[in-house]
C-alpha atoms as a PDB file:
ATOM      1  CA  MET A   1     237.457 -37.442 198.235  1.00  0.00           C
ATOM      2  CA  ARG A   2     237.056 -35.197 201.247  1.00  0.00           C
ATOM      3  CA  ALA A   3     240.694 -35.126 201.955  1.00  0.00           C
ATOM      4  CA  ALA A   4     241.476 -34.038 198.302  1.00  0.00           C
ATOM      5  CA  LEU A   5     239.229 -31.120 198.560  1.00  0.00           C
ATOM      6  CA  LEU A   6     240.634 -30.167 201.989  1.00  0.00           C
ATOM      7  CA  LEU A   7     244.007 -30.356 200.468  1.00  0.00           C
ATOM      8  CA  LEU A   8     243.194 -28.285 197.432  1.00  0.00           C
ATOM      9  CA  LEU A   9     241.504 -25.544 199.601  1.00  0.00           C
ATOM     10  CA  LEU A  10     244.699 -25.315 201.806  1.00  0.00           C
ATOM     11  CA  LEU A  11     247.309 -24.914 198.576  1.00  0.00           C
ATOM     12  CA  PRO A  12     248.615 -21.302 198.283  1.00  0.00           C
ATOM     13  CA  GLY A  13     246.862 -19.321 195.752  1.00  0.00           C
ATOM     14  CA  CYS A  14     244.076 -21.915 195.206  1.00  0.00           C
ATOM     15  CA  ALA A  15     241.650 -21.144 198.009  1.00  0.00           C
ATOM     16  CA  ALA A  16     238.369 -19.227 197.113  1.00  0.00           C
ATOM     17  CA  CYS A  17     238.081 -15.824 198.054  1.00  0.00           C
ATOM     18  CA  PRO A  18     235.482 -14.420 200.599  1.00  0.00           C
ATOM     19  CA  ALA A  19     232.328 -13.106 198.926  1.00  0.00           C
ATOM     20  CA  GLY A  20     233.067  -9.555 197.468  1.00  0.00           C
ATOM     21  CA  TYR A  21     236.911 -10.306 197.012  1.00  0.00           C
ATOM     22  CA  ARG A  22     238.630 -11.229 193.938  1.00  0.00           C
ATOM     23  CA  PRO A  23     241.969 -13.290 193.482  1.00  0.00           C
ATOM     24  CA  ALA A  24     244.852 -10.986 193.307  1.00  0.00           C
ATOM     25  CA  THR A  25     248.645 -11.003 193.640  1.00  0.00           C
ATOM     26  CA  VAL A  26     250.341  -8.378 196.014  1.00  0.00           C
ATOM     27  CA  ALA A  27     253.651  -7.657 194.028  1.00  0.00           C
ATOM     28  CA  GLU A  28     256.320  -5.585 196.117  1.00  0.00           C
ATOM     29  CA  LEU A  29     259.702  -4.218 195.232  1.00  0.00           C
ATOM     30  CA  PHE A  30     262.217  -2.831 197.831  1.00  0.00           C
ATOM     31  CA  LEU A  31     264.362  -0.196 196.269  1.00  0.00           C
ATOM     32  CA  GLY A  32     267.323   0.807 197.934  1.00  0.00           C
ATOM     33  CA  ARG A  33     268.512   4.570 197.739  1.00  0.00           C
ATOM     34  CA  ALA A  34     272.265   4.286 198.320  1.00  0.00           C
ATOM     35  CA  THR A  35     274.378   4.672 195.164  1.00  0.00           C
ATOM     36  CA  PRO A  36     277.964   3.260 194.579  1.00  0.00           C
ATOM     37  CA  GLU A  37     279.536   6.680 194.882  1.00  0.00           C
ATOM     38  CA  GLY A  38     278.164   7.169 198.502  1.00  0.00           C
ATOM     39  CA  GLY A  39     275.186   9.193 197.766  1.00  0.00           C
ATOM     40  CA  GLU A  40     271.471   8.563 197.244  1.00  0.00           C
ATOM     41  CA  VAL A  41     268.930   8.603 194.649  1.00  0.00           C
ATOM     42  CA  SER A  42     267.273  11.967 195.127  1.00  0.00           C
ATOM     43  CA  GLU A  43     263.314  12.411 195.515  1.00  0.00           C
ATOM     44  CA  ALA A  44     263.391  14.264 192.219  1.00  0.00           C
ATOM     45  CA  GLU A  45     265.209  11.152 190.558  1.00  0.00           C
ATOM     46  CA  TRP A  46     262.668   8.939 192.504  1.00  0.00           C
ATOM     47  CA  ARG A  47     259.532  11.132 191.151  1.00  0.00           C
ATOM     48  CA  ASP A  48     260.989  10.984 187.517  1.00  0.00           C
ATOM     49  CA  PHE A  49     261.393   6.863 187.577  1.00  0.00           C
ATOM     50  CA  LEU A  50     257.907   6.613 189.174  1.00  0.00           C
ATOM     51  CA  ALA A  51     256.283   8.809 186.596  1.00  0.00           C
ATOM     52  CA  GLY A  52     258.163   7.806 183.634  1.00  0.00           C
ATOM     53  CA  THR A  53     258.818   4.019 184.244  1.00  0.00           C
ATOM     54  CA  VAL A  54     256.322   2.554 186.928  1.00  0.00           C
ATOM     55  CA  THR A  55     253.250   4.462 186.370  1.00  0.00           C
ATOM     56  CA  PRO A  56     253.138   3.809 182.606  1.00  0.00           C
ATOM     57  CA  ALA A  57     253.589   0.076 183.308  1.00  0.00           C
ATOM     58  CA  PHE A  58     250.951   0.036 186.193  1.00  0.00           C
ATOM     59  CA  PRO A  59     248.423   2.849 185.482  1.00  0.00           C
ATOM     60  CA  GLU A  60     245.751   1.223 187.602  1.00  0.00           C
ATOM     61  CA  GLY A  61     247.521   2.342 190.887  1.00  0.00           C
ATOM     62  CA  LEU A  62     250.197   1.573 193.303  1.00  0.00           C
ATOM     63  CA  ALA A  63     251.444   2.550 196.913  1.00  0.00           C
ATOM     64  CA  VAL A  64     254.947   3.944 197.826  1.00  0.00           C
ATOM     65  CA  GLN A  65     256.308   3.913 201.417  1.00  0.00           C
ATOM     66  CA  ASP A  66     259.727   5.132 202.658  1.00  0.00           C
ATOM     67  CA  THR A  67     261.538   2.384 204.223  1.00  0.00           C
ATOM     68  CA  ALA A  68     264.845   1.992 206.441  1.00  0.00           C
ATOM     69  CA  GLY A  69     266.333  -1.441 206.103  1.00  0.00           C
ATOM     70  CA  GLN A  70     269.576  -3.374 206.401  1.00  0.00           C
ATOM     71  CA  TRP A  71     271.344  -6.295 204.505  1.00  0.00           C
ATOM     72  CA  ARG A  72     274.669  -8.100 205.031  1.00  0.00           C
ATOM     73  CA  ASP A  73     277.163  -7.566 202.310  1.00  0.00           C
ATOM     74  CA  THR A  74     279.668 -10.298 200.960  1.00  0.00           C
ATOM     75  CA  THR A  75     282.176  -9.257 203.703  1.00  0.00           C
ATOM     76  CA  GLY A  76     279.545  -9.906 206.411  1.00  0.00           C
ATOM     77  CA  ARG A  77     279.271  -6.250 207.131  1.00  0.00           C
ATOM     78  CA  VAL A  78     275.659  -5.023 208.096  1.00  0.00           C
ATOM     79  CA  ILE A  79     274.574  -2.167 205.671  1.00  0.00           C
ATOM     80  CA  ARG A  80     271.984   0.334 206.563  1.00  0.00           C
ATOM     81  CA  GLU A  81     269.972   2.291 203.840  1.00  0.00           C
ATOM     82  CA  ARG A  82     266.919   4.226 203.382  1.00  0.00           C
ATOM     83  CA  GLY A  83     264.629   3.097 200.315  1.00  0.00           C
ATOM     84  CA  TRP A  84     261.190   2.726 198.960  1.00  0.00           C
ATOM     85  CA  ARG A  85     258.712  -0.119 199.062  1.00  0.00           C
ATOM     86  CA  LEU A  86     256.487  -0.274 196.019  1.00  0.00           C
ATOM     87  CA  THR A  87     253.272  -2.359 196.207  1.00  0.00           C
ATOM     88  CA  LEU A  88     251.302  -3.120 193.409  1.00  0.00           C
ATOM     89  CA  VAL A  89     247.879  -5.211 193.638  1.00  0.00           C
ATOM     90  CA  LEU A  90     247.504  -7.265 190.486  1.00  0.00           C
ATOM     91  CA  PRO A  91     244.417  -9.142 189.166  1.00  0.00           C
ATOM     92  CA  GLY A  92     244.515 -12.985 189.657  1.00  0.00           C
ATOM     93  CA  GLN A  93     246.574 -15.200 191.849  1.00  0.00           C
ATOM     94  CA  ASP A  94     249.303 -16.181 189.192  1.00  0.00           C
ATOM     95  CA  THR A  95     252.520 -15.202 190.900  1.00  0.00           C
ATOM     96  CA  ALA A  96     254.692 -16.144 187.640  1.00  0.00           C
ATOM     97  CA  THR A  97     252.668 -13.458 185.825  1.00  0.00           C
ATOM     98  CA  ALA A  98     253.106 -10.804 188.378  1.00  0.00           C
ATOM     99  CA  ALA A  99     257.009 -11.700 188.768  1.00  0.00           C
ATOM    100  CA  ALA A 100     257.318 -11.325 185.017  1.00  0.00           C
ATOM    101  CA  ARG A 101     255.321  -7.937 185.135  1.00  0.00           C
ATOM    102  CA  ILE A 102     257.579  -6.371 187.793  1.00  0.00           C
ATOM    103  CA  ALA A 103     260.972  -7.861 186.630  1.00  0.00           C
ATOM    104  CA  PRO A 104     261.389  -4.942 184.017  1.00  0.00           C
ATOM    105  CA  LEU A 105     260.961  -2.265 186.849  1.00  0.00           C
ATOM    106  CA  ALA A 106     263.593  -3.969 188.994  1.00  0.00           C
ATOM    107  CA  GLU A 107     265.957  -4.302 186.104  1.00  0.00           C
ATOM    108  CA  ALA A 108     265.320  -0.536 185.051  1.00  0.00           C
ATOM    109  CA  TYR A 109     265.874   0.556 188.633  1.00  0.00           C
ATOM    110  CA  THR A 110     269.114  -1.431 188.922  1.00  0.00           C
ATOM    111  CA  GLN A 111     270.580  -0.071 185.882  1.00  0.00           C
ATOM    112  CA  ARG A 112     269.353   3.508 186.122  1.00  0.00           C
ATOM    113  CA  PHE A 113     270.597   3.860 189.912  1.00  0.00           C
ATOM    114  CA  ARG A 114     273.350   1.356 189.679  1.00  0.00           C
ATOM    115  CA  GLN A 115     272.196  -1.003 192.183  1.00  0.00           C
ATOM    116  CA  GLU A 116     273.157  -4.360 193.211  1.00  0.00           C
ATOM    117  CA  SER A 117     269.842  -5.749 193.304  1.00  0.00           C
ATOM    118  CA  VAL A 118     266.068  -5.077 194.096  1.00  0.00           C
ATOM    119  CA  LEU A 119     264.137  -7.314 196.398  1.00  0.00           C
ATOM    120  CA  ARG A 120     260.896  -8.500 194.556  1.00  0.00           C
ATOM    121  CA  LEU A 121     257.841 -10.382 196.136  1.00  0.00           C
ATOM    122  CA  ALA A 122     254.816 -11.837 194.677  1.00  0.00           C
ATOM    123  CA  THR A 123     252.119 -13.325 197.135  1.00  0.00           C
ATOM    124  CA  PRO A 124     248.710 -14.650 196.254  1.00  0.00           C
ATOM    125  CA  THR A 125     245.862 -12.894 198.057  1.00  0.00           C
ATOM    126  CA  CYS A 126     242.319 -11.718 197.761  1.00  0.00           C
ATOM    127  CA  SER A 127     241.468  -8.157 197.248  1.00  0.00           C
ATOM    128  CA  ALA A 128     238.344  -5.819 197.391  1.00  0.00           C
ATOM    129  CA  PHE A 129     237.753  -2.077 196.655  1.00  0.00           C
END
């Protein structure tokens, strides 16, 4: 019985949160700025996307950070590009629900700015305000 309880406490997303904290999921999207034509998504285009697409879907709040990342393309070449990291803290530790909520943002960004993909993460955690 004791071993089963210990195993349950060690499973990701199942551990109890400390006093004053609530279960949450950190959802992150990494959005590249490079466009297929060789340009970049402008600050004005980003602000419009943020205001018109992201904020209505997540009015509770979010954080945005500028990034400098890199990835390897199908030919093996390392591609470096600037981007944005969009971080959302969502209630509950259900990563499947968080993934479903952020998927439309990734799809909208991919289509609007002709991106190959958007990196998405959903991690169970505890949060307090």
